[in-house]
Amino acid sequence: MTECKGTARSKPPRRNHGEQLKDEVYRQMFRLEEGRPGAELDLTIALLRAWIASDCEPDVSKSREWLKKICPVCLLMIEARRQASNSDQPCIQ
């Protein structure tokens, strides 16, 4: 069965920019857990984008509360990954 021309197609609801940024932060957290190269920097950039965008969001307080909860976790992950990668490198004397 084919769809008639002019029939309105239902579009999935569009997510707002804040939700897209949250998804990106979580995606980068998973990449960091997997040990992907460059994930520390990508997560840092995603967090910065989320903070900058939080000023422009209609519900600033909700975005900020989420960021206040997620940033300490992300920072611990980044620091742990950096320490692990530094301990993998041989010491040069």
PDB file of N, CA and C in Angstrom:
ATOM      1  N   MET A   1       0.852  -1.173   0.000  1.00  0.00           N
ATOM      2  CA  MET A   1       0.000   0.000   0.000  1.00  0.00           C
ATOM      3  C   MET A   1       0.897   1.235   0.000  1.00  0.00           C
ATOM      4  N   THR A   2       0.650   2.151  -0.868  1.00  0.00           N
ATOM      5  CA  THR A   2       1.467   3.358  -0.948  1.00  0.00           C
ATOM      6  C   THR A   2       0.738   4.522  -0.323  1.00  0.00           C
ATOM      7  N   GLU A   3       1.547   5.471   0.106  1.00  0.00           N
ATOM      8  CA  GLU A   3       0.987   6.657   0.742  1.00  0.00           C
ATOM      9  C   GLU A   3       0.598   7.672  -0.330  1.00  0.00           C
ATOM     10  N   CYS A   4      -0.534   8.281  -0.166  1.00  0.00           N
ATOM     11  CA  CYS A   4      -1.008   9.282  -1.124  1.00  0.00           C
ATOM     12  C   CYS A   4      -0.201  10.560  -0.998  1.00  0.00           C
ATOM     13  N   LYS A   5      -0.018  11.232  -2.115  1.00  0.00           N
ATOM     14  CA  LYS A   5       0.656  12.525  -2.078  1.00  0.00           C
ATOM     15  C   LYS A   5      -0.199  13.508  -1.306  1.00  0.00           C
ATOM     16  N   GLY A   6       0.477  14.351  -0.576  1.00  0.00           N
ATOM     17  CA  GLY A   6      -0.250  15.367   0.170  1.00  0.00           C
ATOM     18  C   GLY A   6      -0.688  14.891   1.548  1.00  0.00           C
ATOM     19  N   THR A   7      -0.509  13.612   1.827  1.00  0.00           N
ATOM     20  CA  THR A   7      -0.861  13.119   3.143  1.00  0.00           C
ATOM     21  C   THR A   7       0.203  13.570   4.124  1.00  0.00           C
ATOM     22  N   ALA A   8      -0.255  14.118   5.208  1.00  0.00           N
ATOM     23  CA  ALA A   8       0.701  14.600   6.209  1.00  0.00           C
ATOM     24  C   ALA A   8       1.362  13.416   6.893  1.00  0.00           C
ATOM     25  N   ARG A   9       2.678  13.431   6.910  1.00  0.00           N
ATOM     26  CA  ARG A   9       3.428  12.391   7.618  1.00  0.00           C
ATOM     27  C   ARG A   9       3.662  12.866   9.036  1.00  0.00           C
ATOM     28  N   SER A  10       3.499  11.952   9.950  1.00  0.00           N
ATOM     29  CA  SER A  10       3.764  12.338  11.327  1.00  0.00           C
ATOM     30  C   SER A  10       5.270  12.334  11.550  1.00  0.00           C
ATOM     31  N   LYS A  11       5.740  13.418  12.102  1.00  0.00           N
ATOM     32  CA  LYS A  11       7.161  13.550  12.380  1.00  0.00           C
ATOM     33  C   LYS A  11       7.389  13.245  13.851  1.00  0.00           C
ATOM     34  N   PRO A  12       8.541  12.628  14.135  1.00  0.00           N
ATOM     35  CA  PRO A  12       8.827  12.399  15.549  1.00  0.00           C
ATOM     36  C   PRO A  12       9.016  13.736  16.256  1.00  0.00           C
ATOM     37  N   PRO A  13       8.667  13.798  17.521  1.00  0.00           N
ATOM     38  CA  PRO A  13       8.824  15.069  18.224  1.00  0.00           C
ATOM     39  C   PRO A  13      10.292  15.482  18.238  1.00  0.00           C
ATOM     40  N   ARG A  14      10.521  16.735  17.978  1.00  0.00           N
ATOM     41  CA  ARG A  14      11.887  17.245  17.929  1.00  0.00           C
ATOM     42  C   ARG A  14      12.380  17.546  19.335  1.00  0.00           C
ATOM     43  N   ARG A  15      13.553  17.028  19.630  1.00  0.00           N
ATOM     44  CA  ARG A  15      14.132  17.282  20.940  1.00  0.00           C
ATOM     45  C   ARG A  15      14.756  18.664  20.962  1.00  0.00           C
ATOM     46  N   ASN A  16      14.729  19.275  22.103  1.00  0.00           N
ATOM     47  CA  ASN A  16      15.338  20.596  22.183  1.00  0.00           C
ATOM     48  C   ASN A  16      16.857  20.467  22.258  1.00  0.00           C
ATOM     49  N   HIS A  17      17.499  21.572  22.075  1.00  0.00           N
ATOM     50  CA  HIS A  17      18.962  21.601  22.020  1.00  0.00           C
ATOM     51  C   HIS A  17      19.573  21.097  23.327  1.00  0.00           C
ATOM     52  N   GLY A  18      18.960  21.424  24.448  1.00  0.00           N
ATOM     53  CA  GLY A  18      19.469  20.980  25.747  1.00  0.00           C
ATOM     54  C   GLY A  18      19.487  19.462  25.872  1.00  0.00           C
ATOM     55  N   GLU A  19      18.450  18.822  25.381  1.00  0.00           N
ATOM     56  CA  GLU A  19      18.395  17.355  25.428  1.00  0.00           C
ATOM     57  C   GLU A  19      19.453  16.744  24.517  1.00  0.00           C
ATOM     58  N   GLN A  20      19.696  17.362  23.384  1.00  0.00           N
ATOM     59  CA  GLN A  20      20.736  16.872  22.483  1.00  0.00           C
ATOM     60  C   GLN A  20      22.110  16.985  23.130  1.00  0.00           C
ATOM     61  N   LEU A  21      22.344  18.077  23.849  1.00  0.00           N
ATOM     62  CA  LEU A  21      23.619  18.249  24.532  1.00  0.00           C
ATOM     63  C   LEU A  21      23.787  17.237  25.660  1.00  0.00           C
ATOM     64  N   LYS A  22      22.706  16.943  26.377  1.00  0.00           N
ATOM     65  CA  LYS A  22      22.773  15.906  27.417  1.00  0.00           C
ATOM     66  C   LYS A  22      23.151  14.565  26.801  1.00  0.00           C
ATOM     67  N   ASP A  23      22.508  14.232  25.707  1.00  0.00           N
ATOM     68  CA  ASP A  23      22.824  12.982  25.022  1.00  0.00           C
ATOM     69  C   ASP A  23      24.288  12.930  24.619  1.00  0.00           C
ATOM     70  N   GLU A  24      24.803  14.052  24.145  1.00  0.00           N
ATOM     71  CA  GLU A  24      26.207  14.098  23.729  1.00  0.00           C
ATOM     72  C   GLU A  24      27.140  13.898  24.922  1.00  0.00           C
ATOM     73  N   VAL A  25      26.825  14.499  26.053  1.00  0.00           N
ATOM     74  CA  VAL A  25      27.643  14.306  27.260  1.00  0.00           C
ATOM     75  C   VAL A  25      27.635  12.834  27.650  1.00  0.00           C
ATOM     76  N   TYR A  26      26.465  12.212  27.700  1.00  0.00           N
ATOM     77  CA  TYR A  26      26.385  10.797  28.068  1.00  0.00           C
ATOM     78  C   TYR A  26      27.135   9.922  27.060  1.00  0.00           C
ATOM     79  N   ARG A  27      27.022  10.243  25.787  1.00  0.00           N
ATOM     80  CA  ARG A  27      27.720   9.480  24.749  1.00  0.00           C
ATOM     81  C   ARG A  27      29.231   9.543  24.964  1.00  0.00           C
ATOM     82  N   GLN A  28      29.719  10.739  25.281  1.00  0.00           N
ATOM     83  CA  GLN A  28      31.152  10.893  25.501  1.00  0.00           C
ATOM     84  C   GLN A  28      31.598  10.199  26.789  1.00  0.00           C
ATOM     85  N   MET A  29      30.728  10.145  27.779  1.00  0.00           N
ATOM     86  CA  MET A  29      31.050   9.408  29.008  1.00  0.00           C
ATOM     87  C   MET A  29      31.234   7.918  28.693  1.00  0.00           C
ATOM     88  N   PHE A  30      30.354   7.380  27.873  1.00  0.00           N
ATOM     89  CA  PHE A  30      30.481   5.975  27.484  1.00  0.00           C
ATOM     90  C   PHE A  30      31.756   5.742  26.684  1.00  0.00           C
ATOM     91  N   ARG A  31      32.076   6.668  25.795  1.00  0.00           N
ATOM     92  CA  ARG A  31      33.309   6.540  25.009  1.00  0.00           C
ATOM     93  C   ARG A  31      34.529   6.546  25.921  1.00  0.00           C
ATOM     94  N   LEU A  32      34.492   7.381  26.947  1.00  0.00           N
ATOM     95  CA  LEU A  32      35.597   7.448  27.894  1.00  0.00           C
ATOM     96  C   LEU A  32      35.719   6.140  28.672  1.00  0.00           C
ATOM     97  N   GLU A  33      34.582   5.592  29.085  1.00  0.00           N
ATOM     98  CA  GLU A  33      34.601   4.296  29.787  1.00  0.00           C
ATOM     99  C   GLU A  33      35.186   3.189  28.916  1.00  0.00           C
ATOM    100  N   GLU A  34      34.939   3.272  27.613  1.00  0.00           N
ATOM    101  CA  GLU A  34      35.468   2.273  26.692  1.00  0.00           C
ATOM    102  C   GLU A  34      36.959   2.461  26.423  1.00  0.00           C
ATOM    103  N   GLY A  35      37.496   3.586  26.848  1.00  0.00           N
ATOM    104  CA  GLY A  35      38.904   3.856  26.635  1.00  0.00           C
ATOM    105  C   GLY A  35      39.236   4.331  25.232  1.00  0.00           C
ATOM    106  N   ARG A  36      38.278   4.949  24.576  1.00  0.00           N
ATOM    107  CA  ARG A  36      38.511   5.449  23.216  1.00  0.00           C
ATOM    108  C   ARG A  36      39.494   6.609  23.237  1.00  0.00           C
ATOM    109  N   PRO A  37      40.407   6.655  22.277  1.00  0.00           N
ATOM    110  CA  PRO A  37      41.367   7.759  22.218  1.00  0.00           C
ATOM    111  C   PRO A  37      40.663   9.101  22.029  1.00  0.00           C
ATOM    112  N   GLY A  38      41.111  10.099  22.780  1.00  0.00           N
ATOM    113  CA  GLY A  38      40.557  11.442  22.663  1.00  0.00           C
ATOM    114  C   GLY A  38      39.248  11.659  23.392  1.00  0.00           C
ATOM    115  N   ALA A  39      38.764  10.647  24.085  1.00  0.00           N
ATOM    116  CA  ALA A  39      37.462  10.765  24.746  1.00  0.00           C
ATOM    117  C   ALA A  39      37.476  11.798  25.871  1.00  0.00           C
ATOM    118  N   GLU A  40      38.620  11.975  26.526  1.00  0.00           N
ATOM    119  CA  GLU A  40      38.697  12.963  27.614  1.00  0.00           C
ATOM    120  C   GLU A  40      38.409  14.365  27.064  1.00  0.00           C
ATOM    121  N   LEU A  41      39.051  14.695  25.971  1.00  0.00           N
ATOM    122  CA  LEU A  41      38.856  16.009  25.366  1.00  0.00           C
ATOM    123  C   LEU A  41      37.432  16.164  24.834  1.00  0.00           C
ATOM    124  N   ASP A  42      36.914  15.112  24.208  1.00  0.00           N
ATOM    125  CA  ASP A  42      35.551  15.178  23.664  1.00  0.00           C
ATOM    126  C   ASP A  42      34.522  15.377  24.772  1.00  0.00           C
ATOM    127  N   LEU A  43      34.717  14.714  25.905  1.00  0.00           N
ATOM    128  CA  LEU A  43      33.798  14.884  27.030  1.00  0.00           C
ATOM    129  C   LEU A  43      33.910  16.297  27.590  1.00  0.00           C
ATOM    130  N   THR A  44      35.113  16.805  27.693  1.00  0.00           N
ATOM    131  CA  THR A  44      35.316  18.162  28.185  1.00  0.00           C
ATOM    132  C   THR A  44      34.608  19.179  27.290  1.00  0.00           C
ATOM    133  N   ILE A  45      34.753  19.005  25.992  1.00  0.00           N
ATOM    134  CA  ILE A  45      34.099  19.918  25.043  1.00  0.00           C
ATOM    135  C   ILE A  45      32.578  19.816  25.146  1.00  0.00           C
ATOM    136  N   ALA A  46      32.062  18.602  25.279  1.00  0.00           N
ATOM    137  CA  ALA A  46      30.613  18.421  25.409  1.00  0.00           C
ATOM    138  C   ALA A  46      30.088  19.106  26.667  1.00  0.00           C
ATOM    139  N   LEU A  47      30.836  19.007  27.769  1.00  0.00           N
ATOM    140  CA  LEU A  47      30.425  19.681  29.008  1.00  0.00           C
ATOM    141  C   LEU A  47      30.444  21.201  28.845  1.00  0.00           C
ATOM    142  N   LEU A  48      31.476  21.707  28.210  1.00  0.00           N
ATOM    143  CA  LEU A  48      31.543  23.157  27.999  1.00  0.00           C
ATOM    144  C   LEU A  48      30.393  23.648  27.129  1.00  0.00           C
ATOM    145  N   ARG A  49      30.083  22.892  26.087  1.00  0.00           N
ATOM    146  CA  ARG A  49      28.949  23.277  25.232  1.00  0.00           C
ATOM    147  C   ARG A  49      27.642  23.283  26.030  1.00  0.00           C
ATOM    148  N   ALA A  50      27.481  22.302  26.900  1.00  0.00           N
ATOM    149  CA  ALA A  50      26.264  22.230  27.708  1.00  0.00           C
ATOM    150  C   ALA A  50      26.172  23.416  28.667  1.00  0.00           C
ATOM    151  N   TRP A  51      27.300  23.806  29.285  1.00  0.00           N
ATOM    152  CA  TRP A  51      27.286  24.962  30.188  1.00  0.00           C
ATOM    153  C   TRP A  51      26.956  26.243  29.441  1.00  0.00           C
ATOM    154  N   ILE A  52      27.572  26.416  28.283  1.00  0.00           N
ATOM    155  CA  ILE A  52      27.306  27.626  27.501  1.00  0.00           C
ATOM    156  C   ILE A  52      25.843  27.677  27.079  1.00  0.00           C
ATOM    157  N   ALA A  53      25.321  26.565  26.627  1.00  0.00           N
ATOM    158  CA  ALA A  53      23.931  26.521  26.166  1.00  0.00           C
ATOM    159  C   ALA A  53      22.940  26.666  27.309  1.00  0.00           C
ATOM    160  N   SER A  54      23.361  26.332  28.532  1.00  0.00           N
ATOM    161  CA  SER A  54      22.418  26.405  29.654  1.00  0.00           C
ATOM    162  C   SER A  54      21.933  27.834  29.899  1.00  0.00           C
ATOM    163  N   ASP A  55      22.722  28.821  29.507  1.00  0.00           N
ATOM    164  CA  ASP A  55      22.281  30.215  29.645  1.00  0.00           C
ATOM    165  C   ASP A  55      21.167  30.561  28.667  1.00  0.00           C
ATOM    166  N   CYS A  56      21.110  29.829  27.560  1.00  0.00           N
ATOM    167  CA  CYS A  56      20.134  30.135  26.513  1.00  0.00           C
ATOM    168  C   CYS A  56      18.873  29.289  26.606  1.00  0.00           C
ATOM    169  N   GLU A  57      18.887  28.279  27.457  1.00  0.00           N
ATOM    170  CA  GLU A  57      17.736  27.380  27.571  1.00  0.00           C
ATOM    171  C   GLU A  57      16.583  28.083  28.278  1.00  0.00           C
ATOM    172  N   PRO A  58      15.354  27.741  27.886  1.00  0.00           N
ATOM    173  CA  PRO A  58      14.188  28.354  28.542  1.00  0.00           C
ATOM    174  C   PRO A  58      14.112  28.007  30.028  1.00  0.00           C
ATOM    175  N   ASP A  59      14.508  26.786  30.372  1.00  0.00           N
ATOM    176  CA  ASP A  59      14.483  26.374  31.776  1.00  0.00           C
ATOM    177  C   ASP A  59      15.916  26.254  32.273  1.00  0.00           C
ATOM    178  N   VAL A  60      16.518  27.403  32.544  1.00  0.00           N
ATOM    179  CA  VAL A  60      17.925  27.467  32.933  1.00  0.00           C
ATOM    180  C   VAL A  60      18.184  26.679  34.209  1.00  0.00           C
ATOM    181  N   SER A  61      17.304  26.788  35.183  1.00  0.00           N
ATOM    182  CA  SER A  61      17.546  26.130  36.472  1.00  0.00           C
ATOM    183  C   SER A  61      17.600  24.610  36.329  1.00  0.00           C
ATOM    184  N   LYS A  62      16.764  24.045  35.478  1.00  0.00           N
ATOM    185  CA  LYS A  62      16.761  22.594  35.277  1.00  0.00           C
ATOM    186  C   LYS A  62      18.067  22.137  34.623  1.00  0.00           C
ATOM    187  N   SER A  63      18.529  22.873  33.625  1.00  0.00           N
ATOM    188  CA  SER A  63      19.785  22.550  32.950  1.00  0.00           C
ATOM    189  C   SER A  63      20.956  22.675  33.907  1.00  0.00           C
ATOM    190  N   ARG A  64      20.956  23.720  34.687  1.00  0.00           N
ATOM    191  CA  ARG A  64      22.054  23.935  35.636  1.00  0.00           C
ATOM    192  C   ARG A  64      22.094  22.867  36.715  1.00  0.00           C
ATOM    193  N   GLU A  65      20.926  22.464  37.192  1.00  0.00           N
ATOM    194  CA  GLU A  65      20.890  21.404  38.211  1.00  0.00           C
ATOM    195  C   GLU A  65      21.476  20.114  37.657  1.00  0.00           C
ATOM    196  N   TRP A  66      21.116  19.773  36.430  1.00  0.00           N
ATOM    197  CA  TRP A  66      21.667  18.567  35.807  1.00  0.00           C
ATOM    198  C   TRP A  66      23.183  18.694  35.673  1.00  0.00           C
ATOM    199  N   LEU A  67      23.655  19.842  35.216  1.00  0.00           N
ATOM    200  CA  LEU A  67      25.089  20.054  35.050  1.00  0.00           C
ATOM    201  C   LEU A  67      25.833  19.985  36.378  1.00  0.00           C
ATOM    202  N   LYS A  68      25.223  20.512  37.430  1.00  0.00           N
ATOM    203  CA  LYS A  68      25.860  20.452  38.752  1.00  0.00           C
ATOM    204  C   LYS A  68      25.990  19.017  39.247  1.00  0.00           C
ATOM    205  N   LYS A  69      25.080  18.165  38.830  1.00  0.00           N
ATOM    206  CA  LYS A  69      25.146  16.749  39.227  1.00  0.00           C
ATOM    207  C   LYS A  69      26.124  15.965  38.369  1.00  0.00           C
ATOM    208  N   ILE A  70      26.142  16.227  37.072  1.00  0.00           N
ATOM    209  CA  ILE A  70      26.908  15.403  36.147  1.00  0.00           C
ATOM    210  C   ILE A  70      28.381  15.816  36.060  1.00  0.00           C
ATOM    211  N   CYS A  71      28.679  17.092  36.230  1.00  0.00           N
ATOM    212  CA  CYS A  71      30.063  17.555  36.077  1.00  0.00           C
ATOM    213  C   CYS A  71      31.047  16.901  37.048  1.00  0.00           C
ATOM    214  N   PRO A  72      30.734  16.783  38.332  1.00  0.00           N
ATOM    215  CA  PRO A  72      31.691  16.119  39.217  1.00  0.00           C
ATOM    216  C   PRO A  72      31.980  14.667  38.796  1.00  0.00           C
ATOM    217  N   VAL A  73      30.973  13.975  38.327  1.00  0.00           N
ATOM    218  CA  VAL A  73      31.159  12.597  37.862  1.00  0.00           C
ATOM    219  C   VAL A  73      32.081  12.583  36.643  1.00  0.00           C
ATOM    220  N   CYS A  74      31.821  13.489  35.712  1.00  0.00           N
ATOM    221  CA  CYS A  74      32.643  13.570  34.496  1.00  0.00           C
ATOM    222  C   CYS A  74      34.085  13.923  34.836  1.00  0.00           C
ATOM    223  N   LEU A  75      34.266  14.867  35.747  1.00  0.00           N
ATOM    224  CA  LEU A  75      35.623  15.251  36.122  1.00  0.00           C
ATOM    225  C   LEU A  75      36.382  14.090  36.756  1.00  0.00           C
ATOM    226  N   LEU A  76      35.715  13.327  37.598  1.00  0.00           N
ATOM    227  CA  LEU A  76      36.356  12.143  38.187  1.00  0.00           C
ATOM    228  C   LEU A  76      36.736  11.136  37.110  1.00  0.00           C
ATOM    229  N   MET A  77      35.863  10.949  36.143  1.00  0.00           N
ATOM    230  CA  MET A  77      36.148  10.023  35.047  1.00  0.00           C
ATOM    231  C   MET A  77      37.350  10.491  34.226  1.00  0.00           C
ATOM    232  N   ILE A  78      37.387  11.772  33.930  1.00  0.00           N
ATOM    233  CA  ILE A  78      38.484  12.328  33.135  1.00  0.00           C
ATOM    234  C   ILE A  78      39.799  12.185  33.893  1.00  0.00           C
ATOM    235  N   GLU A  79      39.795  12.548  35.172  1.00  0.00           N
ATOM    236  CA  GLU A  79      41.011  12.448  35.977  1.00  0.00           C
ATOM    237  C   GLU A  79      41.485  11.005  36.098  1.00  0.00           C
ATOM    238  N   ALA A  80      40.564  10.080  36.318  1.00  0.00           N
ATOM    239  CA  ALA A  80      40.933   8.670  36.441  1.00  0.00           C
ATOM    240  C   ALA A  80      41.540   8.157  35.143  1.00  0.00           C
ATOM    241  N   ARG A  81      40.969   8.541  34.022  1.00  0.00           N
ATOM    242  CA  ARG A  81      41.490   8.102  32.729  1.00  0.00           C
ATOM    243  C   ARG A  81      42.877   8.684  32.469  1.00  0.00           C
ATOM    244  N   ARG A  82      43.066   9.938  32.823  1.00  0.00           N
ATOM    245  CA  ARG A  82      44.379  10.561  32.630  1.00  0.00           C
ATOM    246  C   ARG A  82      45.430   9.901  33.506  1.00  0.00           C
ATOM    247  N   GLN A  83      45.074   9.591  34.748  1.00  0.00           N
ATOM    248  CA  GLN A  83      46.022   8.919  35.640  1.00  0.00           C
ATOM    249  C   GLN A  83      46.359   7.533  35.123  1.00  0.00           C
ATOM    250  N   ALA A  84      45.346   6.837  34.634  1.00  0.00           N
ATOM    251  CA  ALA A  84      45.583   5.490  34.099  1.00  0.00           C
ATOM    252  C   ALA A  84      46.471   5.553  32.866  1.00  0.00           C
ATOM    253  N   SER A  85      46.234   6.521  31.991  1.00  0.00           N
ATOM    254  CA  SER A  85      47.056   6.607  30.785  1.00  0.00           C
ATOM    255  C   SER A  85      48.473   7.060  31.105  1.00  0.00           C
ATOM    256  N   ASN A  86      48.643   7.882  32.142  1.00  0.00           N
ATOM    257  CA  ASN A  86      49.985   8.309  32.545  1.00  0.00           C
ATOM    258  C   ASN A  86      50.759   7.163  33.190  1.00  0.00           C
ATOM    259  N   SER A  87      50.078   6.293  33.904  1.00  0.00           N
ATOM    260  CA  SER A  87      50.765   5.154  34.535  1.00  0.00           C
ATOM    261  C   SER A  87      51.134   4.090  33.519  1.00  0.00           C
ATOM    262  N   ASP A  88      50.466   4.075  32.345  1.00  0.00           N
ATOM    263  CA  ASP A  88      50.795   3.125  31.292  1.00  0.00           C
ATOM    264  C   ASP A  88      52.074   3.502  30.558  1.00  0.00           C
ATOM    265  N   GLN A  89      52.444   4.773  30.613  1.00  0.00           N
ATOM    266  CA  GLN A  89      53.616   5.227  29.889  1.00  0.00           C
ATOM    267  C   GLN A  89      54.864   4.963  30.716  1.00  0.00           C
ATOM    268  N   PRO A  90      55.922   4.485  30.087  1.00  0.00           N
ATOM    269  CA  PRO A  90      57.151   4.232  30.827  1.00  0.00           C
ATOM    270  C   PRO A  90      57.796   5.541  31.273  1.00  0.00           C
ATOM    271  N   CYS A  91      58.443   5.503  32.421  1.00  0.00           N
ATOM    272  CA  CYS A  91      59.128   6.690  32.939  1.00  0.00           C
ATOM    273  C   CYS A  91      60.432   6.870  32.166  1.00  0.00           C
ATOM    274  N   ILE A  92      60.698   8.103  31.787  1.00  0.00           N
ATOM    275  CA  ILE A  92      61.948   8.435  31.095  1.00  0.00           C
ATOM    276  C   ILE A  92      62.883   9.054  32.114  1.00  0.00           C
ATOM    277  N   GLN A  93      64.060   8.466  32.240  1.00  0.00           N
ATOM    278  CA  GLN A  93      65.026   8.985  33.224  1.00  0.00           C
ATOM    279  C   GLN A  93      66.284   9.424  32.558  1.00  0.00           C
TER     280      GLN A  93
END
